Amino acid sequence: MHPEIVEEISEKIYRKFPEVAGVKPKVRKQPVPKDAPKPKEPTYLITFNKDISGPGGRTIPRWVRVAVTPRGRIIKTTTSR
């Protein structure tokens, strides 16, 4: 996946989830299940991970996962609480 596309997606995620701003994302190609039909184009999973401070000074891991196409279209975004 092109670094420019990852940067564009990262900026969108930083605006929506400011607590992960500045985190360098991890990018990996998503495998297609053996029994699933082959998709027209592969999808990539971009993950952002950061420990944030929670109530009482505890640290809470924050995960933001973004499924995207090679062209940079966001398919799905999920996050931890």
PDB file of N, CA and C in Angstrom:
ATOM      1  N   MET A   1       0.846  -1.161   0.000  1.00  0.00           N
ATOM      2  CA  MET A   1       0.000   0.000   0.000  1.00  0.00           C
ATOM      3  C   MET A   1       0.902   1.238   0.000  1.00  0.00           C
ATOM      4  N   HIS A   2       0.524   2.219  -0.781  1.00  0.00           N
ATOM      5  CA  HIS A   2       1.335   3.420  -0.937  1.00  0.00           C
ATOM      6  C   HIS A   2       1.361   4.242   0.352  1.00  0.00           C
ATOM      7  N   PRO A   3       2.519   4.761   0.721  1.00  0.00           N
ATOM      8  CA  PRO A   3       2.620   5.564   1.948  1.00  0.00           C
ATOM      9  C   PRO A   3       1.725   6.807   1.934  1.00  0.00           C
ATOM     10  N   GLU A   4       1.498   7.382   0.747  1.00  0.00           N
ATOM     11  CA  GLU A   4       0.642   8.568   0.662  1.00  0.00           C
ATOM     12  C   GLU A   4      -0.796   8.233   1.068  1.00  0.00           C
ATOM     13  N   ILE A   5      -1.268   7.066   0.662  1.00  0.00           N
ATOM     14  CA  ILE A   5      -2.627   6.646   1.003  1.00  0.00           C
ATOM     15  C   ILE A   5      -2.727   6.383   2.501  1.00  0.00           C
ATOM     16  N   VAL A   6      -1.703   5.742   3.073  1.00  0.00           N
ATOM     17  CA  VAL A   6      -1.698   5.486   4.513  1.00  0.00           C
ATOM     18  C   VAL A   6      -1.710   6.810   5.269  1.00  0.00           C
ATOM     19  N   GLU A   7      -0.966   7.801   4.784  1.00  0.00           N
ATOM     20  CA  GLU A   7      -0.927   9.112   5.429  1.00  0.00           C
ATOM     21  C   GLU A   7      -2.298   9.796   5.381  1.00  0.00           C
ATOM     22  N   GLU A   8      -2.995   9.715   4.243  1.00  0.00           N
ATOM     23  CA  GLU A   8      -4.331  10.306   4.120  1.00  0.00           C
ATOM     24  C   GLU A   8      -5.316   9.659   5.092  1.00  0.00           C
ATOM     25  N   ILE A   9      -5.271   8.343   5.164  1.00  0.00           N
ATOM     26  CA  ILE A   9      -6.162   7.616   6.068  1.00  0.00           C
ATOM     27  C   ILE A   9      -5.822   7.958   7.521  1.00  0.00           C
ATOM     28  N   SER A  10      -4.539   8.047   7.829  1.00  0.00           N
ATOM     29  CA  SER A  10      -4.109   8.386   9.182  1.00  0.00           C
ATOM     30  C   SER A  10      -4.645   9.752   9.600  1.00  0.00           C
ATOM     31  N   GLU A  11      -4.589  10.726   8.705  1.00  0.00           N
ATOM     32  CA  GLU A  11      -5.096  12.064   9.030  1.00  0.00           C
ATOM     33  C   GLU A  11      -6.595  12.022   9.341  1.00  0.00           C
ATOM     34  N   LYS A  12      -7.344  11.226   8.584  1.00  0.00           N
ATOM     35  CA  LYS A  12      -8.784  11.091   8.850  1.00  0.00           C
ATOM     36  C   LYS A  12      -9.018  10.463  10.219  1.00  0.00           C
ATOM     37  N   ILE A  13      -8.241   9.438  10.548  1.00  0.00           N
ATOM     38  CA  ILE A  13      -8.387   8.753  11.836  1.00  0.00           C
ATOM     39  C   ILE A  13      -7.972   9.671  12.978  1.00  0.00           C
ATOM     40  N   TYR A  14      -6.907  10.450  12.797  1.00  0.00           N
ATOM     41  CA  TYR A  14      -6.464  11.377  13.847  1.00  0.00           C
ATOM     42  C   TYR A  14      -7.536  12.419  14.143  1.00  0.00           C
ATOM     43  N   ARG A  15      -8.261  12.863  13.112  1.00  0.00           N
ATOM     44  CA  ARG A  15      -9.328  13.837  13.340  1.00  0.00           C
ATOM     45  C   ARG A  15     -10.504  13.202  14.091  1.00  0.00           C
ATOM     46  N   LYS A  16     -10.825  11.969  13.756  1.00  0.00           N
ATOM     47  CA  LYS A  16     -11.962  11.296  14.378  1.00  0.00           C
ATOM     48  C   LYS A  16     -11.628  10.756  15.773  1.00  0.00           C
ATOM     49  N   PHE A  17     -10.385  10.304  15.956  1.00  0.00           N
ATOM     50  CA  PHE A  17      -9.931   9.742  17.230  1.00  0.00           C
ATOM     51  C   PHE A  17      -8.651  10.462  17.655  1.00  0.00           C
ATOM     52  N   PRO A  18      -8.749  11.666  18.221  1.00  0.00           N
ATOM     53  CA  PRO A  18      -7.552  12.453  18.539  1.00  0.00           C
ATOM     54  C   PRO A  18      -6.632  11.805  19.573  1.00  0.00           C
ATOM     55  N   GLU A  19      -7.145  10.859  20.345  1.00  0.00           N
ATOM     56  CA  GLU A  19      -6.294  10.212  21.345  1.00  0.00           C
ATOM     57  C   GLU A  19      -5.198   9.345  20.721  1.00  0.00           C
ATOM     58  N   VAL A  20      -5.339   8.955  19.451  1.00  0.00           N
ATOM     59  CA  VAL A  20      -4.290   8.171  18.782  1.00  0.00           C
ATOM     60  C   VAL A  20      -3.476   9.025  17.809  1.00  0.00           C
ATOM     61  N   ALA A  21      -3.649  10.336  17.866  1.00  0.00           N
ATOM     62  CA  ALA A  21      -2.916  11.226  16.962  1.00  0.00           C
ATOM     63  C   ALA A  21      -1.417  11.055  17.156  1.00  0.00           C
ATOM     64  N   GLY A  22      -0.715  10.974  16.054  1.00  0.00           N
ATOM     65  CA  GLY A  22       0.729  10.829  16.084  1.00  0.00           C
ATOM     66  C   GLY A  22       1.233   9.397  16.136  1.00  0.00           C
ATOM     67  N   VAL A  23       0.339   8.443  16.291  1.00  0.00           N
ATOM     68  CA  VAL A  23       0.736   7.033  16.338  1.00  0.00           C
ATOM     69  C   VAL A  23       1.017   6.547  14.915  1.00  0.00           C
ATOM     70  N   LYS A  24       2.142   5.885  14.745  1.00  0.00           N
ATOM     71  CA  LYS A  24       2.460   5.321  13.437  1.00  0.00           C
ATOM     72  C   LYS A  24       1.655   4.025  13.270  1.00  0.00           C
ATOM     73  N   PRO A  25       0.817   3.944  12.227  1.00  0.00           N
ATOM     74  CA  PRO A  25      -0.032   2.758  12.076  1.00  0.00           C
ATOM     75  C   PRO A  25       0.732   1.555  11.523  1.00  0.00           C
ATOM     76  N   LYS A  26       0.183   0.383  11.813  1.00  0.00           N
ATOM     77  CA  LYS A  26       0.702  -0.859  11.239  1.00  0.00           C
ATOM     78  C   LYS A  26      -0.241  -1.256  10.109  1.00  0.00           C
ATOM     79  N   VAL A  27       0.329  -1.628   8.970  1.00  0.00           N
ATOM     80  CA  VAL A  27      -0.465  -1.975   7.792  1.00  0.00           C
ATOM     81  C   VAL A  27      -0.183  -3.424   7.428  1.00  0.00           C
ATOM     82  N   ARG A  28      -1.255  -4.169   7.190  1.00  0.00           N
ATOM     83  CA  ARG A  28      -1.079  -5.551   6.714  1.00  0.00           C
ATOM     84  C   ARG A  28      -2.230  -5.915   5.784  1.00  0.00           C
ATOM     85  N   LYS A  29      -1.935  -6.798   4.868  1.00  0.00           N
ATOM     86  CA  LYS A  29      -2.937  -7.262   3.920  1.00  0.00           C
ATOM     87  C   LYS A  29      -3.810  -8.297   4.625  1.00  0.00           C
ATOM     88  N   GLN A  30      -5.121  -8.168   4.443  1.00  0.00           N
ATOM     89  CA  GLN A  30      -6.031  -9.107   5.082  1.00  0.00           C
ATOM     90  C   GLN A  30      -6.138 -10.380   4.254  1.00  0.00           C
ATOM     91  N   PRO A  31      -6.034 -11.529   4.896  1.00  0.00           N
ATOM     92  CA  PRO A  31      -6.207 -12.782   4.165  1.00  0.00           C
ATOM     93  C   PRO A  31      -7.670 -13.019   3.819  1.00  0.00           C
ATOM     94  N   VAL A  32      -7.899 -13.720   2.735  1.00  0.00           N
ATOM     95  CA  VAL A  32      -9.255 -14.080   2.320  1.00  0.00           C
ATOM     96  C   VAL A  32      -9.522 -15.501   2.809  1.00  0.00           C
ATOM     97  N   PRO A  33     -10.643 -15.727   3.524  1.00  0.00           N
ATOM     98  CA  PRO A  33     -10.956 -17.088   3.973  1.00  0.00           C
ATOM     99  C   PRO A  33     -11.043 -18.051   2.790  1.00  0.00           C
ATOM    100  N   LYS A  34     -10.661 -19.298   3.022  1.00  0.00           N
ATOM    101  CA  LYS A  34     -10.629 -20.288   1.943  1.00  0.00           C
ATOM    102  C   LYS A  34     -11.992 -20.538   1.322  1.00  0.00           C
ATOM    103  N   ASP A  35     -13.058 -20.488   2.130  1.00  0.00           N
ATOM    104  CA  ASP A  35     -14.390 -20.777   1.598  1.00  0.00           C
ATOM    105  C   ASP A  35     -15.117 -19.533   1.072  1.00  0.00           C
ATOM    106  N   ALA A  36     -14.490 -18.378   1.158  1.00  0.00           N
ATOM    107  CA  ALA A  36     -15.123 -17.141   0.682  1.00  0.00           C
ATOM    108  C   ALA A  36     -14.799 -16.909  -0.788  1.00  0.00           C
ATOM    109  N   PRO A  37     -15.699 -16.254  -1.515  1.00  0.00           N
ATOM    110  CA  PRO A  37     -15.387 -15.931  -2.916  1.00  0.00           C
ATOM    111  C   PRO A  37     -14.258 -14.906  -2.972  1.00  0.00           C
ATOM    112  N   LYS A  38     -13.460 -14.990  -4.004  1.00  0.00           N
ATOM    113  CA  LYS A  38     -12.323 -14.085  -4.131  1.00  0.00           C
ATOM    114  C   LYS A  38     -12.828 -12.664  -4.416  1.00  0.00           C
ATOM    115  N   PRO A  39     -12.378 -11.678  -3.611  1.00  0.00           N
ATOM    116  CA  PRO A  39     -12.833 -10.305  -3.839  1.00  0.00           C
ATOM    117  C   PRO A  39     -12.191  -9.708  -5.089  1.00  0.00           C
ATOM    118  N   LYS A  40     -12.797  -8.631  -5.589  1.00  0.00           N
ATOM    119  CA  LYS A  40     -12.272  -7.966  -6.772  1.00  0.00           C
ATOM    120  C   LYS A  40     -10.916  -7.336  -6.504  1.00  0.00           C
ATOM    121  N   GLU A  41     -10.728  -6.811  -5.307  1.00  0.00           N
ATOM    122  CA  GLU A  41      -9.454  -6.238  -4.926  1.00  0.00           C
ATOM    123  C   GLU A  41      -9.155  -6.600  -3.480  1.00  0.00           C
ATOM    124  N   PRO A  42      -7.879  -6.673  -3.114  1.00  0.00           N
ATOM    125  CA  PRO A  42      -7.544  -7.045  -1.738  1.00  0.00           C
ATOM    126  C   PRO A  42      -7.919  -5.920  -0.775  1.00  0.00           C
ATOM    127  N   THR A  43      -8.030  -6.275   0.493  1.00  0.00           N
ATOM    128  CA  THR A  43      -8.266  -5.261   1.514  1.00  0.00           C
ATOM    129  C   THR A  43      -7.085  -5.253   2.480  1.00  0.00           C
ATOM    130  N   TYR A  44      -6.870  -4.116   3.090  1.00  0.00           N
ATOM    131  CA  TYR A  44      -5.780  -3.951   4.036  1.00  0.00           C
ATOM    132  C   TYR A  44      -6.343  -3.561   5.380  1.00  0.00           C
ATOM    133  N   LEU A  45      -5.645  -3.947   6.430  1.00  0.00           N
ATOM    134  CA  LEU A  45      -6.028  -3.600   7.783  1.00  0.00           C
ATOM    135  C   LEU A  45      -4.966  -2.667   8.343  1.00  0.00           C
ATOM    136  N   ILE A  46      -5.392  -1.487   8.751  1.00  0.00           N
ATOM    137  CA  ILE A  46      -4.491  -0.505   9.346  1.00  0.00           C
ATOM    138  C   ILE A  46      -4.879  -0.388  10.810  1.00  0.00           C
ATOM    139  N   THR A  47      -3.904  -0.593  11.710  1.00  0.00           N
ATOM    140  CA  THR A  47      -4.195  -0.546  13.135  1.00  0.00           C
ATOM    141  C   THR A  47      -3.388   0.552  13.818  1.00  0.00           C
ATOM    142  N   PHE A  48      -4.048   1.218  14.753  1.00  0.00           N
ATOM    143  CA  PHE A  48      -3.429   2.242  15.577  1.00  0.00           C
ATOM    144  C   PHE A  48      -3.568   1.771  17.018  1.00  0.00           C
ATOM    145  N   ASN A  49      -2.490   1.818  17.799  1.00  0.00           N
ATOM    146  CA  ASN A  49      -2.514   1.340  19.175  1.00  0.00           C
ATOM    147  C   ASN A  49      -1.795   2.344  20.064  1.00  0.00           C
ATOM    148  N   LYS A  50      -2.456   2.710  21.167  1.00  0.00           N
ATOM    149  CA  LYS A  50      -1.840   3.633  22.123  1.00  0.00           C
ATOM    150  C   LYS A  50      -2.443   3.402  23.496  1.00  0.00           C
ATOM    151  N   ASP A  51      -1.616   3.500  24.522  1.00  0.00           N
ATOM    152  CA  ASP A  51      -2.106   3.424  25.896  1.00  0.00           C
ATOM    153  C   ASP A  51      -2.498   4.832  26.323  1.00  0.00           C
ATOM    154  N   ILE A  52      -3.748   4.988  26.762  1.00  0.00           N
ATOM    155  CA  ILE A  52      -4.227   6.296  27.206  1.00  0.00           C
ATOM    156  C   ILE A  52      -4.522   6.226  28.697  1.00  0.00           C
ATOM    157  N   SER A  53      -4.521   7.363  29.356  1.00  0.00           N
ATOM    158  CA  SER A  53      -4.805   7.366  30.793  1.00  0.00           C
ATOM    159  C   SER A  53      -6.310   7.356  31.008  1.00  0.00           C
ATOM    160  N   GLY A  54      -6.729   6.512  31.913  1.00  0.00           N
ATOM    161  CA  GLY A  54      -8.147   6.373  32.214  1.00  0.00           C
ATOM    162  C   GLY A  54      -8.460   6.872  33.606  1.00  0.00           C
ATOM    163  N   PRO A  55      -9.623   6.511  34.120  1.00  0.00           N
ATOM    164  CA  PRO A  55     -10.013   6.954  35.457  1.00  0.00           C
ATOM    165  C   PRO A  55      -9.060   6.410  36.522  1.00  0.00           C
ATOM    166  N   GLY A  56      -8.748   7.234  37.488  1.00  0.00           N
ATOM    167  CA  GLY A  56      -7.876   6.799  38.578  1.00  0.00           C
ATOM    168  C   GLY A  56      -6.416   6.687  38.190  1.00  0.00           C
ATOM    169  N   GLY A  57      -6.044   7.231  37.048  1.00  0.00           N
ATOM    170  CA  GLY A  57      -4.652   7.181  36.616  1.00  0.00           C
ATOM    171  C   GLY A  57      -4.235   5.871  35.967  1.00  0.00           C
ATOM    172  N   ARG A  58      -5.167   4.989  35.751  1.00  0.00           N
ATOM    173  CA  ARG A  58      -4.848   3.714  35.096  1.00  0.00           C
ATOM    174  C   ARG A  58      -4.635   3.929  33.606  1.00  0.00           C
ATOM    175  N   THR A  59      -3.859   3.061  32.993  1.00  0.00           N
ATOM    176  CA  THR A  59      -3.681   3.134  31.543  1.00  0.00           C
ATOM    177  C   THR A  59      -4.581   2.114  30.878  1.00  0.00           C
ATOM    178  N   ILE A  60      -5.167   2.530  29.779  1.00  0.00           N
ATOM    179  CA  ILE A  60      -6.101   1.692  29.034  1.00  0.00           C
ATOM    180  C   ILE A  60      -5.593   1.598  27.601  1.00  0.00           C
ATOM    181  N   PRO A  61      -5.441   0.387  27.058  1.00  0.00           N
ATOM    182  CA  PRO A  61      -5.026   0.288  25.658  1.00  0.00           C
ATOM    183  C   PRO A  61      -6.156   0.718  24.725  1.00  0.00           C
ATOM    184  N   ARG A  62      -5.845   1.559  23.780  1.00  0.00           N
ATOM    185  CA  ARG A  62      -6.835   2.037  22.804  1.00  0.00           C
ATOM    186  C   ARG A  62      -6.430   1.526  21.432  1.00  0.00           C
ATOM    187  N   TRP A  63      -7.316   0.794  20.789  1.00  0.00           N
ATOM    188  CA  TRP A  63      -7.078   0.246  19.457  1.00  0.00           C
ATOM    189  C   TRP A  63      -8.079   0.847  18.480  1.00  0.00           C
ATOM    190  N   VAL A  64      -7.578   1.255  17.326  1.00  0.00           N
ATOM    191  CA  VAL A  64      -8.446   1.673  16.233  1.00  0.00           C
ATOM    192  C   VAL A  64      -8.032   0.834  15.029  1.00  0.00           C
ATOM    193  N   ARG A  65      -8.986   0.111  14.462  1.00  0.00           N
ATOM    194  CA  ARG A  65      -8.726  -0.757  13.301  1.00  0.00           C
ATOM    195  C   ARG A  65      -9.516  -0.227  12.120  1.00  0.00           C
ATOM    196  N   VAL A  66      -8.856  -0.126  10.976  1.00  0.00           N
ATOM    197  CA  VAL A  66      -9.493   0.420   9.785  1.00  0.00           C
ATOM    198  C   VAL A  66      -9.258  -0.540   8.626  1.00  0.00           C
ATOM    199  N   ALA A  67     -10.342  -1.025   8.020  1.00  0.00           N
ATOM    200  CA  ALA A  67     -10.253  -1.857   6.824  1.00  0.00           C
ATOM    201  C   ALA A  67     -10.388  -0.924   5.622  1.00  0.00           C
ATOM    202  N   VAL A  68      -9.428  -1.014   4.688  1.00  0.00           N
ATOM    203  CA  VAL A  68      -9.413  -0.113   3.534  1.00  0.00           C
ATOM    204  C   VAL A  68      -9.115  -0.869   2.252  1.00  0.00           C
ATOM    205  N   THR A  69      -9.482  -0.246   1.129  1.00  0.00           N
ATOM    206  CA  THR A  69      -9.131  -0.771  -0.184  1.00  0.00           C
ATOM    207  C   THR A  69      -7.754  -0.234  -0.564  1.00  0.00           C
ATOM    208  N   PRO A  70      -7.112  -0.798  -1.575  1.00  0.00           N
ATOM    209  CA  PRO A  70      -5.811  -0.290  -2.001  1.00  0.00           C
ATOM    210  C   PRO A  70      -5.858   1.170  -2.481  1.00  0.00           C
ATOM    211  N   ARG A  71      -7.020   1.635  -2.876  1.00  0.00           N
ATOM    212  CA  ARG A  71      -7.158   3.019  -3.337  1.00  0.00           C
ATOM    213  C   ARG A  71      -7.406   3.992  -2.184  1.00  0.00           C
ATOM    214  N   GLY A  72      -7.583   3.474  -0.977  1.00  0.00           N
ATOM    215  CA  GLY A  72      -7.737   4.327   0.191  1.00  0.00           C
ATOM    216  C   GLY A  72      -9.160   4.544   0.658  1.00  0.00           C
ATOM    217  N   ARG A  73     -10.107   3.802   0.117  1.00  0.00           N
ATOM    218  CA  ARG A  73     -11.500   3.941   0.567  1.00  0.00           C
ATOM    219  C   ARG A  73     -11.659   3.147   1.864  1.00  0.00           C
ATOM    220  N   ILE A  74     -12.172   3.824   2.888  1.00  0.00           N
ATOM    221  CA  ILE A  74     -12.388   3.171   4.176  1.00  0.00           C
ATOM    222  C   ILE A  74     -13.661   2.332   4.095  1.00  0.00           C
ATOM    223  N   ILE A  75     -13.513   1.044   4.381  1.00  0.00           N
ATOM    224  CA  ILE A  75     -14.638   0.114   4.347  1.00  0.00           C
ATOM    225  C   ILE A  75     -15.308   0.055   5.711  1.00  0.00           C
ATOM    226  N   LYS A  76     -14.471  -0.070   6.758  1.00  0.00           N
ATOM    227  CA  LYS A  76     -15.008  -0.247   8.101  1.00  0.00           C
ATOM    228  C   LYS A  76     -13.991   0.259   9.118  1.00  0.00           C
ATOM    229  N   THR A  77     -14.490   0.889  10.171  1.00  0.00           N
ATOM    230  CA  THR A  77     -13.640   1.337  11.269  1.00  0.00           C
ATOM    231  C   THR A  77     -14.204   0.770  12.565  1.00  0.00           C
ATOM    232  N   THR A  78     -13.330   0.142  13.363  1.00  0.00           N
ATOM    233  CA  THR A  78     -13.744  -0.366  14.668  1.00  0.00           C
ATOM    234  C   THR A  78     -12.750   0.139  15.700  1.00  0.00           C
ATOM    235  N   THR A  79     -13.198   0.202  16.942  1.00  0.00           N
ATOM    236  CA  THR A  79     -12.338   0.699  18.009  1.00  0.00           C
ATOM    237  C   THR A  79     -12.634  -0.022  19.313  1.00  0.00           C
ATOM    238  N   SER A  80     -11.642  -0.029  20.188  1.00  0.00           N
ATOM    239  CA  SER A  80     -11.858  -0.547  21.527  1.00  0.00           C
ATOM    240  C   SER A  80     -12.492   0.550  22.362  1.00  0.00           C
ATOM    241  N   ARG A  81     -12.983   0.197  23.488  1.00  0.00           N
ATOM    242  CA  ARG A  81     -13.640   1.194  24.345  1.00  0.00           C
ATOM    243  C   ARG A  81     -12.644   2.008  25.109  1.00  0.00           C
TER     244      ARG A  81
END
